[in-house]
Every structure is written in structure tokens, then in C-alpha cells.
């Protein structure tokens, strides 16, 4: 139980639990339907990725999930499959040479995120929730923030993700990681905390 829910009355906690059950049920139904209906789109995008550059169709990267559990997030591959792509910065800024031509389009349209419906169906993620972070970046979090935000499943989208939809353009600098940690992460964390504290099935 999080600090937020521990302050609620018995009746409020019951409503909160029902909201969480409804949220998970909605996640399962919508992610299943989404995967089913998007099969033709997935096949087309997979073909584009394979035709563009050599390498696998999907990217599986480690992310920090609920209660600190590490899971593999699933995305369409958007980078060249070589050593430099894996050895480079954990953040991607606009103009990053590791990104493939098709990968740039996928990232601009956010279509590379669609395979995460599988993560939602499995229970690693939710449709709505704080975006899951790379373990190396999560190590920079303050303990209080980590406990609060990791009390729920991360999501495909969130208020912070919507507000910072053009994050890669904002990170265009000689030090994208430094800029992210100094300027962007604090704002995103504040929005994620507000989401966790005020979330309901209906606001999702």
C-alpha cells in the first residue's frame, strides 16, 4: 500500500481498489483487441523495418517496472543494428546518427511504441501510467520518488509523455543526458507524481 492510499478511509480505499481492478481489466481487453486489429499494420511496419536496414524487427530493452522489477520493453527497432547503437547514450536526441531512416519516421509518429500493447497484455505495463525508465537513469532517482512512482505499472502514455512528446527535439545539444537530468526529468517527475496521487479509471 502506498502512502497515498494509506491515508484514505475504508470506503475510499474500496473505491480505489475497484478503480484499479477496472483499469487492469480495461488494459487487458483493449491491448488484446489492439494487437488483434493491428496485425496488418504490424506486418507492414515489420516489412518496412527489415527492408530499411539489416537487423531484427523488434527492439527489447530493459526498463524498470512496478516495484522495481526489470522487464523487457518491446518496440519496433529504430536504430542501426551495430555496436555503436548499444554503446551510445541511453537517451536519443534529434539528429542521432544511430537512427535509421524508417526509424526516424517511426519515432516521429510514435508507431514504434505500438508493440508495447504486448507488454500491457502481459501485465508489465498499463495503457496509462508513468513512462518506464532505463535502469541506469532510474538509479539517479530520489528514493521517495522511486517508491511512489514504482508503486504502479508504468504506461504507454501519461500526462508527462504527452507534454514532452517532442522530447528528442528538446534534447538536441552536445550533452543530451545532462540536459535531460537537469531540465526535463524534474518536470516529468512532478507530473508523474501528480498522476500517481490523483489517478482514477475515469481520468485515465
N, C-alpha and C. Protein backbone atom coordinates (compact mmCIF):
# COMPACT_ATOMS: atom_id res chain seq x y z
N UNK A 1 0.84 -1.20 0.00
CA UNK A 1 0.00 0.00 0.00
C UNK A 1 0.87 1.24 0.00
N UNK A 2 0.58 2.19 -0.86
CA UNK A 2 1.36 3.41 -0.93
C UNK A 2 0.96 4.37 0.17
N UNK A 3 1.78 5.41 0.36
CA UNK A 3 1.47 6.43 1.38
C UNK A 3 0.15 7.11 1.07
N UNK A 4 -0.13 7.29 -0.22
CA UNK A 4 -1.37 7.96 -0.62
C UNK A 4 -2.58 7.15 -0.21
N UNK A 5 -2.60 5.85 -0.54
CA UNK A 5 -3.76 5.03 -0.22
C UNK A 5 -3.89 4.78 1.27
N UNK A 6 -2.78 4.80 2.02
CA UNK A 6 -2.86 4.55 3.46
C UNK A 6 -3.58 5.67 4.19
N UNK A 7 -3.67 6.85 3.57
CA UNK A 7 -4.35 7.99 4.19
C UNK A 7 -5.84 8.01 3.89
N UNK A 8 -6.32 7.09 3.05
CA UNK A 8 -7.72 7.07 2.68
C UNK A 8 -8.55 6.31 3.70
N UNK A 9 -9.85 6.63 3.74
CA UNK A 9 -10.77 5.91 4.61
C UNK A 9 -11.04 4.53 4.00
N UNK A 10 -11.72 3.68 4.79
CA UNK A 10 -12.02 2.32 4.31
C UNK A 10 -12.85 2.37 3.02
N UNK A 11 -13.86 3.25 3.01
CA UNK A 11 -14.71 3.37 1.82
C UNK A 11 -13.93 3.89 0.62
N UNK A 12 -13.05 4.85 0.85
CA UNK A 12 -12.24 5.40 -0.23
C UNK A 12 -11.28 4.35 -0.78
N UNK A 13 -10.71 3.54 0.13
CA UNK A 13 -9.78 2.50 -0.32
C UNK A 13 -10.52 1.46 -1.15
N UNK A 14 -11.77 1.18 -0.80
CA UNK A 14 -12.55 0.21 -1.57
C UNK A 14 -12.81 0.73 -2.98
N UNK A 15 -13.17 2.02 -3.08
CA UNK A 15 -13.39 2.63 -4.40
C UNK A 15 -12.09 2.61 -5.20
N UNK A 16 -10.98 2.89 -4.51
CA UNK A 16 -9.68 2.91 -5.16
C UNK A 16 -9.34 1.52 -5.71
N UNK A 17 -9.58 0.48 -4.93
CA UNK A 17 -9.29 -0.88 -5.38
C UNK A 17 -10.15 -1.27 -6.57
N UNK A 18 -11.43 -0.88 -6.53
CA UNK A 18 -12.32 -1.17 -7.66
C UNK A 18 -11.84 -0.46 -8.92
N UNK A 19 -11.35 0.77 -8.74
CA UNK A 19 -10.83 1.53 -9.88
C UNK A 19 -9.61 0.83 -10.47
N UNK A 20 -8.75 0.28 -9.60
CA UNK A 20 -7.56 -0.42 -10.07
C UNK A 20 -7.92 -1.70 -10.81
N UNK A 21 -8.95 -2.41 -10.31
CA UNK A 21 -9.42 -3.62 -10.99
C UNK A 21 -9.98 -3.28 -12.36
N UNK A 22 -10.78 -2.22 -12.41
CA UNK A 22 -11.36 -1.79 -13.69
C UNK A 22 -10.26 -1.38 -14.67
N UNK A 23 -9.25 -0.72 -14.17
CA UNK A 23 -8.13 -0.28 -15.01
C UNK A 23 -7.41 -1.48 -15.63
N UNK A 24 -7.14 -2.50 -14.81
CA UNK A 24 -6.43 -3.68 -15.33
C UNK A 24 -7.30 -4.45 -16.32
N UNK A 25 -8.59 -4.56 -16.03
CA UNK A 25 -9.49 -5.25 -16.95
C UNK A 25 -9.55 -4.51 -18.28
N UNK A 26 -9.63 -3.19 -18.22
CA UNK A 26 -9.65 -2.38 -19.43
C UNK A 26 -8.35 -2.56 -20.22
N UNK A 27 -7.21 -2.57 -19.50
CA UNK A 27 -5.91 -2.78 -20.15
C UNK A 27 -5.87 -4.09 -20.92
N UNK A 28 -6.34 -5.16 -20.28
CA UNK A 28 -6.29 -6.49 -20.90
C UNK A 28 -7.16 -6.53 -22.16
N UNK A 29 -8.39 -6.03 -22.03
CA UNK A 29 -9.33 -6.08 -23.16
C UNK A 29 -8.83 -5.23 -24.32
N UNK A 30 -8.42 -3.99 -24.03
CA UNK A 30 -8.02 -3.08 -25.10
C UNK A 30 -6.69 -3.48 -25.74
N UNK A 31 -5.76 -3.98 -24.95
CA UNK A 31 -4.48 -4.40 -25.54
C UNK A 31 -4.67 -5.63 -26.41
N UNK A 32 -5.54 -6.55 -25.98
CA UNK A 32 -5.82 -7.74 -26.79
C UNK A 32 -6.48 -7.36 -28.11
N UNK A 33 -7.50 -6.49 -28.02
CA UNK A 33 -8.18 -6.05 -29.24
C UNK A 33 -7.24 -5.25 -30.14
N UNK A 34 -6.41 -4.42 -29.52
CA UNK A 34 -5.47 -3.63 -30.29
C UNK A 34 -4.49 -4.50 -31.06
N UNK A 35 -3.93 -5.50 -30.38
CA UNK A 35 -2.99 -6.41 -31.04
C UNK A 35 -3.67 -7.16 -32.18
N UNK A 36 -4.92 -7.58 -31.93
CA UNK A 36 -5.66 -8.33 -32.94
C UNK A 36 -5.96 -7.48 -34.17
N UNK A 37 -6.44 -6.27 -33.94
CA UNK A 37 -6.84 -5.41 -35.04
C UNK A 37 -5.64 -4.82 -35.80
N UNK A 38 -4.52 -4.70 -35.12
CA UNK A 38 -3.36 -4.07 -35.73
C UNK A 38 -2.42 -5.06 -36.42
N UNK A 39 -2.79 -6.32 -36.50
CA UNK A 39 -1.93 -7.31 -37.16
C UNK A 39 -1.48 -6.86 -38.55
N UNK A 40 -2.39 -6.38 -39.43
CA UNK A 40 -1.94 -5.92 -40.76
C UNK A 40 -0.93 -4.77 -40.67
N UNK A 41 -1.15 -3.85 -39.73
CA UNK A 41 -0.23 -2.72 -39.55
C UNK A 41 1.13 -3.21 -39.06
N UNK A 42 1.12 -4.16 -38.13
CA UNK A 42 2.36 -4.72 -37.61
C UNK A 42 3.15 -5.39 -38.73
N UNK A 43 2.47 -6.15 -39.58
CA UNK A 43 3.15 -6.84 -40.67
C UNK A 43 3.78 -5.82 -41.62
N UNK A 44 3.04 -4.77 -41.95
CA UNK A 44 3.55 -3.73 -42.84
C UNK A 44 4.75 -3.01 -42.23
N UNK A 45 4.66 -2.64 -40.95
CA UNK A 45 5.76 -1.95 -40.29
C UNK A 45 6.98 -2.85 -40.16
N UNK A 46 6.74 -4.13 -39.88
CA UNK A 46 7.85 -5.09 -39.78
C UNK A 46 8.58 -5.18 -41.12
N UNK A 47 7.83 -5.18 -42.21
CA UNK A 47 8.41 -5.24 -43.55
C UNK A 47 9.25 -3.99 -43.83
N UNK A 48 8.75 -2.82 -43.42
CA UNK A 48 9.49 -1.58 -43.62
C UNK A 48 10.81 -1.59 -42.86
N UNK A 49 10.76 -2.07 -41.61
CA UNK A 49 11.97 -2.10 -40.78
C UNK A 49 13.02 -3.04 -41.39
N UNK A 50 12.59 -4.23 -41.81
CA UNK A 50 13.52 -5.22 -42.38
C UNK A 50 14.07 -4.75 -43.72
N UNK A 51 13.26 -4.07 -44.51
CA UNK A 51 13.71 -3.59 -45.81
C UNK A 51 14.69 -2.43 -45.67
N UNK A 52 14.53 -1.64 -44.61
CA UNK A 52 15.31 -0.43 -44.43
C UNK A 52 16.78 -0.73 -44.12
N UNK A 53 17.01 -1.51 -43.08
CA UNK A 53 18.38 -1.85 -42.66
C UNK A 53 18.42 -3.26 -42.10
N UNK A 54 19.56 -3.93 -42.18
CA UNK A 54 19.69 -5.29 -41.62
C UNK A 54 19.50 -5.27 -40.10
N UNK A 55 18.88 -6.33 -39.59
CA UNK A 55 18.70 -6.44 -38.15
C UNK A 55 17.32 -6.95 -37.80
N UNK A 56 17.07 -7.17 -36.53
CA UNK A 56 15.77 -7.67 -36.09
C UNK A 56 14.67 -6.63 -36.27
N UNK A 57 13.44 -7.09 -36.28
CA UNK A 57 12.30 -6.18 -36.40
C UNK A 57 12.07 -5.43 -35.10
N UNK A 58 12.21 -6.15 -33.99
CA UNK A 58 11.89 -5.56 -32.69
C UNK A 58 13.13 -5.23 -31.86
N UNK A 59 12.96 -4.24 -31.00
CA UNK A 59 13.97 -3.89 -30.01
C UNK A 59 13.42 -4.27 -28.64
N UNK A 60 14.23 -4.95 -27.86
CA UNK A 60 13.85 -5.32 -26.50
C UNK A 60 14.87 -4.71 -25.54
N UNK A 61 14.41 -3.71 -24.81
CA UNK A 61 15.32 -3.01 -23.90
C UNK A 61 14.85 -3.12 -22.46
N UNK A 62 15.79 -3.14 -21.54
CA UNK A 62 15.46 -3.24 -20.12
C UNK A 62 14.83 -1.94 -19.62
N UNK A 63 13.77 -2.09 -18.84
CA UNK A 63 13.11 -0.96 -18.20
C UNK A 63 12.74 -1.35 -16.77
N UNK A 64 12.56 -0.33 -15.94
CA UNK A 64 12.18 -0.57 -14.54
C UNK A 64 10.66 -0.50 -14.44
N UNK A 65 10.06 -1.58 -13.93
CA UNK A 65 8.62 -1.65 -13.83
C UNK A 65 8.12 -1.54 -12.41
N UNK A 66 6.92 -2.01 -12.21
CA UNK A 66 6.27 -1.94 -10.90
C UNK A 66 7.10 -2.63 -9.83
N UNK A 67 7.23 -1.96 -8.70
CA UNK A 67 8.01 -2.44 -7.56
C UNK A 67 9.48 -2.68 -7.92
N UNK A 68 9.96 -1.98 -8.93
CA UNK A 68 11.36 -2.08 -9.28
C UNK A 68 11.73 -3.29 -10.12
N UNK A 69 10.74 -4.05 -10.56
CA UNK A 69 11.02 -5.24 -11.37
C UNK A 69 11.49 -4.83 -12.76
N UNK A 70 12.58 -5.45 -13.22
CA UNK A 70 13.11 -5.17 -14.55
C UNK A 70 12.37 -6.04 -15.57
N UNK A 71 11.93 -5.41 -16.65
CA UNK A 71 11.27 -6.15 -17.72
C UNK A 71 11.80 -5.67 -19.06
N UNK A 72 11.49 -6.40 -20.11
CA UNK A 72 11.94 -6.06 -21.47
C UNK A 72 10.81 -5.37 -22.22
N UNK A 73 11.01 -4.09 -22.51
CA UNK A 73 10.01 -3.35 -23.27
C UNK A 73 10.15 -3.70 -24.75
N UNK A 74 9.04 -3.77 -25.45
CA UNK A 74 9.03 -4.18 -26.85
C UNK A 74 8.68 -2.99 -27.74
N UNK A 75 9.55 -2.73 -28.71
CA UNK A 75 9.33 -1.65 -29.67
C UNK A 75 9.80 -2.11 -31.05
N UNK A 76 9.33 -1.43 -32.09
CA UNK A 76 9.92 -1.65 -33.40
C UNK A 76 11.32 -1.03 -33.38
N UNK A 77 12.28 -1.74 -33.95
CA UNK A 77 13.66 -1.26 -33.97
C UNK A 77 13.76 0.02 -34.81
N UNK A 78 14.43 1.01 -34.26
CA UNK A 78 14.58 2.29 -34.96
C UNK A 78 16.04 2.67 -35.16
N UNK A 79 16.96 1.83 -34.69
CA UNK A 79 18.38 2.14 -34.82
C UNK A 79 19.10 1.08 -35.64
N UNK A 80 20.26 1.46 -36.16
CA UNK A 80 21.11 0.51 -36.87
C UNK A 80 21.54 -0.60 -35.91
N UNK A 81 21.59 -1.80 -36.40
CA UNK A 81 21.98 -2.93 -35.56
C UNK A 81 23.49 -3.09 -35.60
N UNK A 82 24.17 -2.28 -34.79
CA UNK A 82 25.62 -2.40 -34.67
C UNK A 82 26.05 -2.00 -33.27
N UNK A 83 27.34 -2.18 -32.99
CA UNK A 83 27.85 -1.96 -31.64
C UNK A 83 27.64 -0.53 -31.16
N UNK A 84 27.76 0.44 -32.06
CA UNK A 84 27.63 1.84 -31.65
C UNK A 84 26.24 2.17 -31.13
N UNK A 85 25.24 1.47 -31.63
CA UNK A 85 23.87 1.73 -31.18
C UNK A 85 23.69 1.32 -29.73
N UNK A 86 24.36 0.25 -29.33
CA UNK A 86 24.24 -0.25 -27.96
C UNK A 86 25.20 0.45 -27.00
N UNK A 87 26.33 0.94 -27.54
CA UNK A 87 27.33 1.58 -26.69
C UNK A 87 27.07 3.07 -26.50
N UNK A 88 26.17 3.63 -27.28
CA UNK A 88 25.92 5.06 -27.21
C UNK A 88 25.09 5.47 -26.01
N UNK A 89 24.69 6.75 -25.94
CA UNK A 89 23.89 7.27 -24.83
C UNK A 89 22.56 6.52 -24.69
N UNK A 90 22.06 6.43 -23.47
CA UNK A 90 20.78 5.76 -23.22
C UNK A 90 19.61 6.63 -23.65
N UNK A 91 19.86 7.90 -23.92
CA UNK A 91 18.84 8.80 -24.42
C UNK A 91 19.10 9.09 -25.90
N UNK A 92 18.03 9.39 -26.61
CA UNK A 92 18.16 9.70 -28.03
C UNK A 92 17.70 11.12 -28.30
N UNK A 93 18.56 11.90 -28.93
CA UNK A 93 18.23 13.28 -29.28
C UNK A 93 17.99 13.37 -30.77
N UNK A 94 17.35 14.43 -31.17
CA UNK A 94 17.11 14.68 -32.59
C UNK A 94 18.44 14.73 -33.35
N UNK A 95 18.49 14.05 -34.51
CA UNK A 95 19.72 14.05 -35.29
C UNK A 95 20.69 12.94 -34.92
N UNK A 96 20.33 12.08 -33.99
CA UNK A 96 21.19 10.96 -33.58
C UNK A 96 21.48 10.08 -34.80
N UNK A 97 22.78 9.89 -35.10
CA UNK A 97 23.18 9.14 -36.29
C UNK A 97 22.87 7.65 -36.18
N UNK A 98 22.53 7.18 -35.00
CA UNK A 98 22.21 5.76 -34.84
C UNK A 98 20.83 5.42 -35.40
N UNK A 99 19.99 6.43 -35.57
CA UNK A 99 18.61 6.19 -36.01
C UNK A 99 18.56 5.95 -37.51
N UNK A 100 17.80 4.94 -37.91
CA UNK A 100 17.64 4.61 -39.33
C UNK A 100 16.63 5.56 -39.98
N UNK A 101 16.59 5.63 -41.32
CA UNK A 101 15.60 6.48 -41.99
C UNK A 101 14.17 6.12 -41.60
N UNK A 102 13.82 4.84 -41.68
CA UNK A 102 12.47 4.43 -41.28
C UNK A 102 12.29 4.63 -39.78
N UNK A 103 13.36 4.41 -39.02
CA UNK A 103 13.29 4.60 -37.57
C UNK A 103 12.92 6.01 -37.19
N UNK A 104 13.44 6.99 -37.93
CA UNK A 104 13.10 8.39 -37.64
C UNK A 104 11.61 8.62 -37.81
N UNK A 105 11.05 8.08 -38.89
CA UNK A 105 9.61 8.24 -39.12
C UNK A 105 8.80 7.52 -38.04
N UNK A 106 9.24 6.34 -37.67
CA UNK A 106 8.54 5.60 -36.62
C UNK A 106 8.55 6.36 -35.30
N UNK A 107 9.68 6.96 -34.98
CA UNK A 107 9.79 7.70 -33.73
C UNK A 107 8.97 8.99 -33.78
N UNK A 108 8.97 9.68 -34.93
CA UNK A 108 8.20 10.92 -35.06
C UNK A 108 6.71 10.66 -34.91
N UNK A 109 6.25 9.53 -35.45
CA UNK A 109 4.82 9.19 -35.40
C UNK A 109 4.44 8.38 -34.16
N UNK A 110 5.46 7.94 -33.40
CA UNK A 110 5.27 7.10 -32.21
C UNK A 110 4.76 5.69 -32.56
N UNK A 111 4.81 5.32 -33.83
CA UNK A 111 4.36 3.98 -34.21
C UNK A 111 5.30 2.90 -33.68
N UNK A 112 6.54 3.26 -33.37
CA UNK A 112 7.47 2.28 -32.80
C UNK A 112 7.03 1.80 -31.42
N UNK A 113 6.11 2.53 -30.78
CA UNK A 113 5.64 2.17 -29.45
C UNK A 113 4.51 1.13 -29.46
N UNK A 114 3.90 0.89 -30.62
CA UNK A 114 2.73 0.01 -30.68
C UNK A 114 2.95 -1.39 -30.10
N UNK A 115 4.12 -2.02 -30.30
CA UNK A 115 4.31 -3.36 -29.73
C UNK A 115 4.20 -3.42 -28.21
N UNK A 116 4.22 -2.27 -27.55
CA UNK A 116 4.09 -2.27 -26.10
C UNK A 116 2.70 -2.72 -25.65
N UNK A 117 1.77 -2.83 -26.58
CA UNK A 117 0.48 -3.43 -26.24
C UNK A 117 0.68 -4.85 -25.71
N UNK A 118 1.73 -5.53 -26.19
CA UNK A 118 2.05 -6.86 -25.68
C UNK A 118 2.51 -6.78 -24.23
N UNK A 119 3.31 -5.75 -23.90
CA UNK A 119 3.72 -5.55 -22.50
C UNK A 119 2.52 -5.28 -21.60
N UNK A 120 1.52 -4.56 -22.15
CA UNK A 120 0.31 -4.29 -21.38
C UNK A 120 -0.46 -5.58 -21.14
N UNK A 121 -0.62 -6.37 -22.17
CA UNK A 121 -1.35 -7.63 -22.05
C UNK A 121 -0.68 -8.56 -21.05
N UNK A 122 0.64 -8.59 -21.03
CA UNK A 122 1.39 -9.45 -20.11
C UNK A 122 1.31 -8.96 -18.67
N UNK A 123 1.05 -7.68 -18.49
CA UNK A 123 0.99 -7.13 -17.14
C UNK A 123 2.22 -6.35 -16.74
N UNK A 124 3.19 -6.20 -17.64
CA UNK A 124 4.38 -5.39 -17.34
C UNK A 124 4.03 -3.91 -17.30
N UNK A 125 3.05 -3.51 -18.14
CA UNK A 125 2.70 -2.12 -18.29
C UNK A 125 1.20 -1.93 -18.28
N UNK A 126 0.79 -0.68 -18.29
CA UNK A 126 -0.61 -0.30 -18.41
C UNK A 126 -0.72 0.62 -19.63
N UNK A 127 -1.94 0.86 -20.09
CA UNK A 127 -2.11 1.80 -21.18
C UNK A 127 -1.72 3.21 -20.75
N UNK A 128 -2.07 3.56 -19.51
CA UNK A 128 -1.76 4.89 -18.97
C UNK A 128 -0.97 4.75 -17.69
N UNK A 129 0.12 5.48 -17.59
CA UNK A 129 0.96 5.44 -16.41
C UNK A 129 2.29 6.10 -16.71
N UNK A 130 3.10 6.38 -15.69
CA UNK A 130 4.41 6.99 -15.92
C UNK A 130 5.24 6.14 -16.88
N UNK A 131 5.92 6.77 -17.81
CA UNK A 131 6.73 6.03 -18.77
C UNK A 131 7.84 5.26 -18.05
N UNK A 132 8.07 4.00 -18.44
CA UNK A 132 9.12 3.21 -17.79
C UNK A 132 10.50 3.74 -18.16
N UNK A 133 11.40 3.75 -17.20
CA UNK A 133 12.72 4.34 -17.42
C UNK A 133 13.80 3.27 -17.54
N UNK A 134 14.87 3.62 -18.21
CA UNK A 134 16.06 2.77 -18.30
C UNK A 134 16.66 2.63 -16.90
N UNK A 135 17.12 1.42 -16.53
CA UNK A 135 17.66 1.22 -15.17
C UNK A 135 18.79 2.18 -14.82
N UNK A 136 19.64 2.52 -15.79
CA UNK A 136 20.76 3.41 -15.49
C UNK A 136 20.28 4.81 -15.12
N UNK A 137 19.19 5.26 -15.71
CA UNK A 137 18.63 6.57 -15.37
C UNK A 137 17.84 6.49 -14.08
N UNK A 138 17.14 5.38 -13.87
CA UNK A 138 16.35 5.20 -12.64
C UNK A 138 17.24 5.24 -11.40
N UNK A 139 18.51 4.91 -11.55
CA UNK A 139 19.43 4.96 -10.40
C UNK A 139 19.65 6.38 -9.92
N UNK A 140 19.34 7.38 -10.73
CA UNK A 140 19.51 8.78 -10.33
C UNK A 140 18.31 9.29 -9.54
N UNK A 141 17.24 8.51 -9.46
CA UNK A 141 16.02 8.96 -8.78
C UNK A 141 16.21 9.05 -7.28
N UNK A 142 15.53 9.99 -6.66
CA UNK A 142 15.47 10.03 -5.21
C UNK A 142 14.61 8.88 -4.71
N UNK A 143 14.94 8.34 -3.55
CA UNK A 143 14.27 7.16 -3.03
C UNK A 143 12.77 7.37 -2.88
N UNK A 144 12.37 8.54 -2.38
CA UNK A 144 10.95 8.81 -2.15
C UNK A 144 10.16 8.80 -3.46
N UNK A 145 10.76 9.37 -4.49
CA UNK A 145 10.09 9.40 -5.79
C UNK A 145 9.97 7.99 -6.35
N UNK A 146 11.04 7.22 -6.27
CA UNK A 146 11.04 5.85 -6.80
C UNK A 146 9.97 5.00 -6.14
N UNK A 147 9.86 5.09 -4.82
CA UNK A 147 8.87 4.30 -4.09
C UNK A 147 7.46 4.64 -4.55
N UNK A 148 7.20 5.93 -4.72
CA UNK A 148 5.86 6.37 -5.10
C UNK A 148 5.51 5.98 -6.53
N UNK A 149 6.37 6.31 -7.47
CA UNK A 149 6.06 6.09 -8.88
C UNK A 149 6.12 4.60 -9.25
N UNK A 150 7.00 3.84 -8.62
CA UNK A 150 7.09 2.42 -8.93
C UNK A 150 6.06 1.59 -8.17
N UNK A 151 5.13 2.25 -7.49
CA UNK A 151 4.06 1.52 -6.81
C UNK A 151 2.98 1.08 -7.79
N UNK A 152 3.02 1.61 -9.03
CA UNK A 152 2.04 1.25 -10.04
C UNK A 152 2.76 0.82 -11.33
N UNK A 153 2.00 0.23 -12.24
CA UNK A 153 2.59 -0.18 -13.52
C UNK A 153 2.92 1.05 -14.36
N UNK A 154 4.05 1.04 -15.05
CA UNK A 154 4.33 2.12 -16.00
C UNK A 154 3.38 2.03 -17.18
N UNK A 155 3.31 3.09 -17.97
CA UNK A 155 2.32 3.10 -19.04
C UNK A 155 2.89 3.43 -20.41
N UNK A 156 2.07 3.20 -21.42
CA UNK A 156 2.43 3.58 -22.78
C UNK A 156 2.38 5.10 -22.93
N UNK A 157 1.41 5.71 -22.25
CA UNK A 157 1.31 7.16 -22.30
C UNK A 157 0.97 7.71 -20.92
N UNK A 158 1.17 9.00 -20.75
CA UNK A 158 0.93 9.66 -19.47
C UNK A 158 0.86 11.16 -19.73
N UNK A 159 0.43 11.95 -18.75
CA UNK A 159 0.44 13.40 -18.94
C UNK A 159 1.84 13.91 -19.29
N UNK A 160 2.86 13.38 -18.65
CA UNK A 160 4.24 13.81 -18.93
C UNK A 160 4.65 13.43 -20.35
N UNK A 161 4.26 12.22 -20.78
CA UNK A 161 4.61 11.77 -22.13
C UNK A 161 3.95 12.64 -23.19
N UNK A 162 2.73 13.08 -22.93
CA UNK A 162 2.02 13.94 -23.88
C UNK A 162 2.68 15.32 -23.93
N UNK A 163 2.98 15.86 -22.75
CA UNK A 163 3.58 17.20 -22.70
C UNK A 163 4.96 17.22 -23.35
N UNK A 164 5.71 16.14 -23.16
CA UNK A 164 7.07 16.06 -23.72
C UNK A 164 7.11 15.15 -24.94
N UNK A 165 6.11 15.24 -25.76
CA UNK A 165 6.06 14.42 -26.97
C UNK A 165 7.24 14.71 -27.89
N UNK A 166 7.73 15.94 -27.87
CA UNK A 166 8.86 16.33 -28.72
C UNK A 166 10.17 16.34 -27.93
N UNK A 167 10.28 15.42 -26.98
CA UNK A 167 11.45 15.39 -26.10
C UNK A 167 12.76 15.28 -26.89
N UNK A 168 12.79 14.48 -27.94
CA UNK A 168 14.03 14.30 -28.70
C UNK A 168 14.50 15.61 -29.32
N UNK A 169 13.55 16.44 -29.75
CA UNK A 169 13.93 17.75 -30.30
C UNK A 169 14.47 18.65 -29.18
N UNK A 170 13.89 18.56 -28.00
CA UNK A 170 14.35 19.38 -26.88
C UNK A 170 15.74 18.96 -26.40
N UNK A 171 16.10 17.70 -26.64
CA UNK A 171 17.39 17.19 -26.18
C UNK A 171 18.51 17.43 -27.18
N UNK A 172 18.23 18.15 -28.26
CA UNK A 172 19.25 18.41 -29.27
C UNK A 172 20.30 19.35 -28.69
N UNK A 173 21.41 18.76 -28.23
CA UNK A 173 22.50 19.54 -27.64
C UNK A 173 23.75 18.66 -27.61
N UNK A 174 24.85 19.24 -27.18
CA UNK A 174 26.10 18.48 -27.08
C UNK A 174 26.11 17.54 -25.89
N UNK A 175 25.19 17.74 -24.96
CA UNK A 175 25.11 16.90 -23.76
C UNK A 175 23.64 16.55 -23.48
N UNK A 176 23.04 15.66 -24.29
CA UNK A 176 21.62 15.34 -24.11
C UNK A 176 21.30 14.74 -22.74
N UNK A 177 22.18 13.89 -22.21
CA UNK A 177 21.91 13.29 -20.90
C UNK A 177 21.91 14.34 -19.81
N UNK A 178 22.89 15.24 -19.84
CA UNK A 178 22.94 16.30 -18.84
C UNK A 178 21.73 17.20 -18.91
N UNK A 179 21.32 17.55 -20.12
CA UNK A 179 20.15 18.41 -20.29
C UNK A 179 18.90 17.71 -19.79
N UNK A 180 18.78 16.40 -20.06
CA UNK A 180 17.62 15.65 -19.60
C UNK A 180 17.55 15.64 -18.08
N UNK A 181 18.66 15.32 -17.43
CA UNK A 181 18.67 15.21 -15.97
C UNK A 181 18.45 16.56 -15.29
N UNK A 182 18.96 17.64 -15.89
CA UNK A 182 18.84 18.96 -15.27
C UNK A 182 17.50 19.63 -15.54
N UNK A 183 17.00 19.52 -16.79
CA UNK A 183 15.86 20.34 -17.19
C UNK A 183 14.55 19.56 -17.38
N UNK A 184 14.63 18.38 -17.96
CA UNK A 184 13.41 17.67 -18.33
C UNK A 184 12.94 16.70 -17.26
N UNK A 185 13.86 15.91 -16.72
CA UNK A 185 13.45 14.90 -15.75
C UNK A 185 12.72 15.48 -14.54
N UNK A 186 13.17 16.58 -13.92
CA UNK A 186 12.45 17.12 -12.76
C UNK A 186 10.99 17.45 -13.07
N UNK A 187 10.74 18.04 -14.25
CA UNK A 187 9.37 18.38 -14.63
C UNK A 187 8.53 17.13 -14.87
N UNK A 188 9.10 16.15 -15.55
CA UNK A 188 8.38 14.91 -15.80
C UNK A 188 8.07 14.18 -14.50
N UNK A 189 9.01 14.20 -13.58
CA UNK A 189 8.79 13.53 -12.29
C UNK A 189 7.65 14.19 -11.52
N UNK A 190 7.60 15.51 -11.56
CA UNK A 190 6.50 16.21 -10.87
C UNK A 190 5.15 15.81 -11.46
N UNK A 191 5.07 15.72 -12.78
CA UNK A 191 3.82 15.32 -13.44
C UNK A 191 3.48 13.87 -13.13
N UNK A 192 4.49 13.01 -13.08
CA UNK A 192 4.24 11.60 -12.76
C UNK A 192 3.73 11.44 -11.33
N UNK A 193 4.27 12.21 -10.41
CA UNK A 193 3.80 12.14 -9.03
C UNK A 193 2.35 12.62 -8.92
N UNK A 194 2.02 13.69 -9.63
CA UNK A 194 0.64 14.18 -9.62
C UNK A 194 -0.30 13.13 -10.20
N UNK A 195 0.15 12.43 -11.25
CA UNK A 195 -0.68 11.38 -11.83
C UNK A 195 -0.91 10.26 -10.82
N UNK A 196 0.15 9.79 -10.19
CA UNK A 196 0.02 8.68 -9.23
C UNK A 196 -0.92 9.05 -8.10
N UNK A 197 -0.82 10.25 -7.59
CA UNK A 197 -1.61 10.67 -6.43
C UNK A 197 -3.08 10.93 -6.76
N UNK A 198 -3.36 11.28 -8.02
CA UNK A 198 -4.74 11.65 -8.39
C UNK A 198 -5.39 10.74 -9.42
N UNK A 199 -4.77 9.61 -9.73
CA UNK A 199 -5.26 8.77 -10.80
C UNK A 199 -6.57 8.09 -10.44
N UNK A 200 -7.43 7.97 -11.45
CA UNK A 200 -8.66 7.17 -11.35
C UNK A 200 -8.87 6.52 -12.71
N UNK A 201 -9.70 5.52 -12.75
CA UNK A 201 -10.01 4.85 -14.01
C UNK A 201 -10.58 5.85 -15.01
N UNK A 202 -11.44 6.75 -14.55
CA UNK A 202 -12.11 7.68 -15.44
C UNK A 202 -11.18 8.75 -15.96
N UNK A 203 -10.26 9.24 -15.12
CA UNK A 203 -9.30 10.23 -15.62
C UNK A 203 -8.34 9.61 -16.63
N UNK A 204 -8.04 8.32 -16.45
CA UNK A 204 -7.23 7.62 -17.45
C UNK A 204 -7.93 7.67 -18.80
